[in-house]
Each structure stands twice: as structure tokens, then as C-alpha cells.
PDB file of N, CA and C in Angstrom:
ATOM      1  N   MET A   1     104.412  82.461  91.426  1.00  0.00           N
ATOM      2  CA  MET A   1     104.715  83.732  92.227  1.00  0.00           C
ATOM      3  C   MET A   1     104.630  83.427  93.734  1.00  0.00           C
ATOM      4  N   SER A   2     105.829  83.866  94.394  1.00  0.00           N
ATOM      5  CA  SER A   2     105.736  83.738  95.677  1.00  0.00           C
ATOM      6  C   SER A   2     105.150  84.892  96.527  1.00  0.00           C
ATOM      7  N   ALA A   3     104.739  84.588  97.776  1.00  0.00           N
ATOM      8  CA  ALA A   3     104.314  85.712  98.602  1.00  0.00           C
ATOM      9  C   ALA A   3     105.375  86.806  99.079  1.00  0.00           C
ATOM     10  N   VAL A   4     105.013  87.962  98.979  1.00  0.00           N
ATOM     11  CA  VAL A   4     106.100  88.850  99.635  1.00  0.00           C
ATOM     12  C   VAL A   4     105.310  89.712 100.865  1.00  0.00           C
ATOM     13  N   VAL A   5     106.010  89.610 101.741  1.00  0.00           N
ATOM     14  CA  VAL A   5     105.539  90.419 103.034  1.00  0.00           C
ATOM     15  C   VAL A   5     106.373  91.567 103.294  1.00  0.00           C
ATOM     16  N   LEU A   6     105.608  92.661 103.483  1.00  0.00           N
ATOM     17  CA  LEU A   6     106.089  93.988 103.656  1.00  0.00           C
ATOM     18  C   LEU A   6     105.494  94.470 105.029  1.00  0.00           C
ATOM     19  N   THR A   7     106.288  94.936 105.928  1.00  0.00           N
ATOM     20  CA  THR A   7     105.840  95.576 107.236  1.00  0.00           C
ATOM     21  C   THR A   7     106.240  96.999 107.196  1.00  0.00           C
ATOM     22  N   PHE A   8     105.130  97.756 107.362  1.00  0.00           N
ATOM     23  CA  PHE A   8     105.417  99.209 107.462  1.00  0.00           C
ATOM     24  C   PHE A   8     105.135  99.718 108.918  1.00  0.00           C
ATOM     25  N   GLN A   9     106.234 100.389 109.485  1.00  0.00           N
ATOM     26  CA  GLN A   9     106.201 100.907 110.637  1.00  0.00           C
ATOM     27  C   GLN A   9     106.335 102.480 110.663  1.00  0.00           C
ATOM     28  N   GLU A  10     105.186 103.214 110.852  1.00  0.00           N
ATOM     29  CA  GLU A  10     105.255 104.649 110.601  1.00  0.00           C
ATOM     30  C   GLU A  10     105.952 105.301 111.815  1.00  0.00           C
ATOM     31  N   VAL A  11     106.581 106.503 111.554  1.00  0.00           N
ATOM     32  CA  VAL A  11     107.083 107.281 112.617  1.00  0.00           C
ATOM     33  C   VAL A  11     106.804 108.537 112.245  1.00  0.00           C
ATOM     34  N   ASP A  12     106.059 109.291 113.291  1.00  0.00           N
ATOM     35  CA  ASP A  12     105.406 110.508 113.080  1.00  0.00           C
ATOM     36  C   ASP A  12     104.400 110.550 111.889  1.00  0.00           C
ATOM     37  N   GLY A  13     103.740 109.520 111.685  1.00  0.00           N
ATOM     38  CA  GLY A  13     102.755 109.424 110.385  1.00  0.00           C
ATOM     39  C   GLY A  13     103.503 109.116 109.160  1.00  0.00           C
ATOM     40  N   LYS A  14     104.796 109.013 109.046  1.00  0.00           N
ATOM     41  CA  LYS A  14     105.372 108.666 107.805  1.00  0.00           C
ATOM     42  C   LYS A  14     106.034 107.277 107.813  1.00  0.00           C
ATOM     43  N   ALA A  15     106.230 106.739 106.657  1.00  0.00           N
ATOM     44  CA  ALA A  15     106.945 105.463 106.414  1.00  0.00           C
ATOM     45  C   ALA A  15     108.268 105.788 106.441  1.00  0.00           C
ATOM     46  N   LYS A  16     109.115 104.682 106.731  1.00  0.00           N
ATOM     47  CA  LYS A  16     110.571 104.866 106.719  1.00  0.00           C
ATOM     48  C   LYS A  16     111.092 104.847 105.352  1.00  0.00           C
ATOM     49  N   PRO A  17     112.206 105.594 105.043  1.00  0.00           N
ATOM     50  CA  PRO A  17     112.530 105.518 103.531  1.00  0.00           C
ATOM     51  C   PRO A  17     112.785 104.274 103.030  1.00  0.00           C
ATOM     52  N   TYR A  18     113.484 103.528 103.679  1.00  0.00           N
ATOM     53  CA  TYR A  18     113.792 102.084 103.149  1.00  0.00           C
ATOM     54  C   TYR A  18     112.577 101.295 102.863  1.00  0.00           C
ATOM     55  N   GLN A  19     111.453 101.668 103.646  1.00  0.00           N
ATOM     56  CA  GLN A  19     110.257 100.715 103.359  1.00  0.00           C
ATOM     57  C   GLN A  19     109.501 101.244 102.209  1.00  0.00           C
ATOM     58  N   VAL A  20     109.560 102.463 101.885  1.00  0.00           N
ATOM     59  CA  VAL A  20     109.031 103.040 100.596  1.00  0.00           C
ATOM     60  C   VAL A  20     109.866 102.483  99.437  1.00  0.00           C
ATOM     61  N   ARG A  21     111.182 102.474  99.602  1.00  0.00           N
ATOM     62  CA  ARG A  21     112.055 101.910  98.429  1.00  0.00           C
ATOM     63  C   ARG A  21     111.649 100.349  98.242  1.00  0.00           C
ATOM     64  N   GLN A  22     111.355  99.616  99.356  1.00  0.00           N
ATOM     65  CA  GLN A  22     110.902  98.237  99.163  1.00  0.00           C
ATOM     66  C   GLN A  22     109.649  98.073  98.548  1.00  0.00           C
ATOM     67  N   PHE A  23     108.785  99.118  98.884  1.00  0.00           N
ATOM     68  CA  PHE A  23     107.341  98.952  98.303  1.00  0.00           C
ATOM     69  C   PHE A  23     107.526  99.252  96.928  1.00  0.00           C
ATOM     70  N   ILE A  24     108.243 100.266  96.410  1.00  0.00           N
ATOM     71  CA  ILE A  24     108.332 100.646  95.016  1.00  0.00           C
ATOM     72  C   ILE A  24     108.914  99.469  94.186  1.00  0.00           C
ATOM     73  N   THR A  25     109.918  98.778  94.742  1.00  0.00           N
ATOM     74  CA  THR A  25     110.600  97.809  94.216  1.00  0.00           C
ATOM     75  C   THR A  25     109.696  96.695  93.948  1.00  0.00           C
ATOM     76  N   ILE A  26     108.892  96.332  94.687  1.00  0.00           N
ATOM     77  CA  ILE A  26     107.825  95.105  94.665  1.00  0.00           C
ATOM     78  C   ILE A  26     106.685  95.734  93.506  1.00  0.00           C
ATOM     79  N   VAL A  27     106.244  96.940  93.693  1.00  0.00           N
ATOM     80  CA  VAL A  27     105.222  97.531  92.443  1.00  0.00           C
ATOM     81  C   VAL A  27     105.885  97.369  91.337  1.00  0.00           C
ATOM     82  N   GLU A  28     107.108  97.579  91.106  1.00  0.00           N
ATOM     83  CA  GLU A  28     107.684  97.584  89.744  1.00  0.00           C
ATOM     84  C   GLU A  28     107.940  96.130  89.276  1.00  0.00           C
ATOM     85  N   LYS A  29     108.450  95.351  90.240  1.00  0.00           N
ATOM     86  CA  LYS A  29     108.802  94.078  89.901  1.00  0.00           C
ATOM     87  C   LYS A  29     107.611  93.096  89.485  1.00  0.00           C
ATOM     88  N   TYR A  30     106.359  93.440  89.904  1.00  0.00           N
ATOM     89  CA  TYR A  30     105.160  92.758  89.656  1.00  0.00           C
ATOM     90  C   TYR A  30     104.349  93.464  88.733  1.00  0.00           C
ATOM     91  N   HIS A  31     104.717  94.534  88.357  1.00  0.00           N
ATOM     92  CA  HIS A  31     103.797  95.495  87.574  1.00  0.00           C
ATOM     93  C   HIS A  31     102.501  95.764  88.014  1.00  0.00           C
ATOM     94  N   LEU A  32     102.522  96.061  89.496  1.00  0.00           N
ATOM     95  CA  LEU A  32     101.172  96.461  89.992  1.00  0.00           C
ATOM     96  C   LEU A  32     100.658  97.739  89.698  1.00  0.00           C
ATOM     97  N   GLN A  33      99.364  97.760  89.645  1.00  0.00           N
ATOM     98  CA  GLN A  33      98.683  99.063  89.337  1.00  0.00           C
ATOM     99  C   GLN A  33      97.463  99.212  90.270  1.00  0.00           C
ATOM    100  N   MET A  34      97.254 100.530  90.503  1.00  0.00           N
ATOM    101  CA  MET A  34      95.915 100.808  91.328  1.00  0.00           C
ATOM    102  C   MET A  34      94.735 100.726  90.479  1.00  0.00           C
ATOM    103  N   VAL A  35      93.750 100.176  90.996  1.00  0.00           N
ATOM    104  CA  VAL A  35      92.386 100.040  90.156  1.00  0.00           C
ATOM    105  C   VAL A  35      91.423 100.722  91.091  1.00  0.00           C
ATOM    106  N   GLU A  36      90.558 101.536  90.487  1.00  0.00           N
ATOM    107  CA  GLU A  36      89.356 102.057  91.120  1.00  0.00           C
ATOM    108  C   GLU A  36      88.318 101.133  91.260  1.00  0.00           C
ATOM    109  N   ASP A  37      87.633 101.044  92.471  1.00  0.00           N
ATOM    110  CA  ASP A  37      86.712 100.004  92.775  1.00  0.00           C
ATOM    111  C   ASP A  37      85.237 100.888  92.741  1.00  0.00           C
ATOM    112  N   ASP A  38      84.617 100.831  91.533  1.00  0.00           N
ATOM    113  CA  ASP A  38      83.330 101.489  91.370  1.00  0.00           C
ATOM    114  C   ASP A  38      82.224 101.089  92.332  1.00  0.00           C
ATOM    115  N   ALA A  39      82.300  99.985  93.060  1.00  0.00           N
ATOM    116  CA  ALA A  39      81.350  99.463  93.878  1.00  0.00           C
ATOM    117  C   ALA A  39      81.184 100.255  95.280  1.00  0.00           C
ATOM    118  N   ASP A  40      82.234 101.177  95.533  1.00  0.00           N
ATOM    119  CA  ASP A  40      82.195 101.930  96.635  1.00  0.00           C
ATOM    120  C   ASP A  40      81.419 103.413  96.344  1.00  0.00           C
ATOM    121  N   LEU A  41      81.178 103.606  95.147  1.00  0.00           N
ATOM    122  CA  LEU A  41      80.628 104.931  94.708  1.00  0.00           C
ATOM    123  C   LEU A  41      79.109 104.861  94.957  1.00  0.00           C
TER     124      LEU A  41
END
């Protein structure tokens, strides 16, 4: 697996639409999931 670099530049506190699309594409491509970290509780 090669590294993927995403750069987010917010405008008025929001990501640009093309950046959100890039992020979603990467999440779907690599089947990424959010995992809760119980160590912070």
C-alpha cells in the first residue's frame, strides 16, 4: 500500500467540496473505519 497525502484547507471553518470527495474516495478505497479508543475514557 502506498502513502496517500491529503491536504485540507478550510474556508470559514468548512472543508472545500473537492477535499471532502477526495477523503470519501480514500476511505472507501481502503475500507477505513473509525474506531473508538477506550484509553481516553
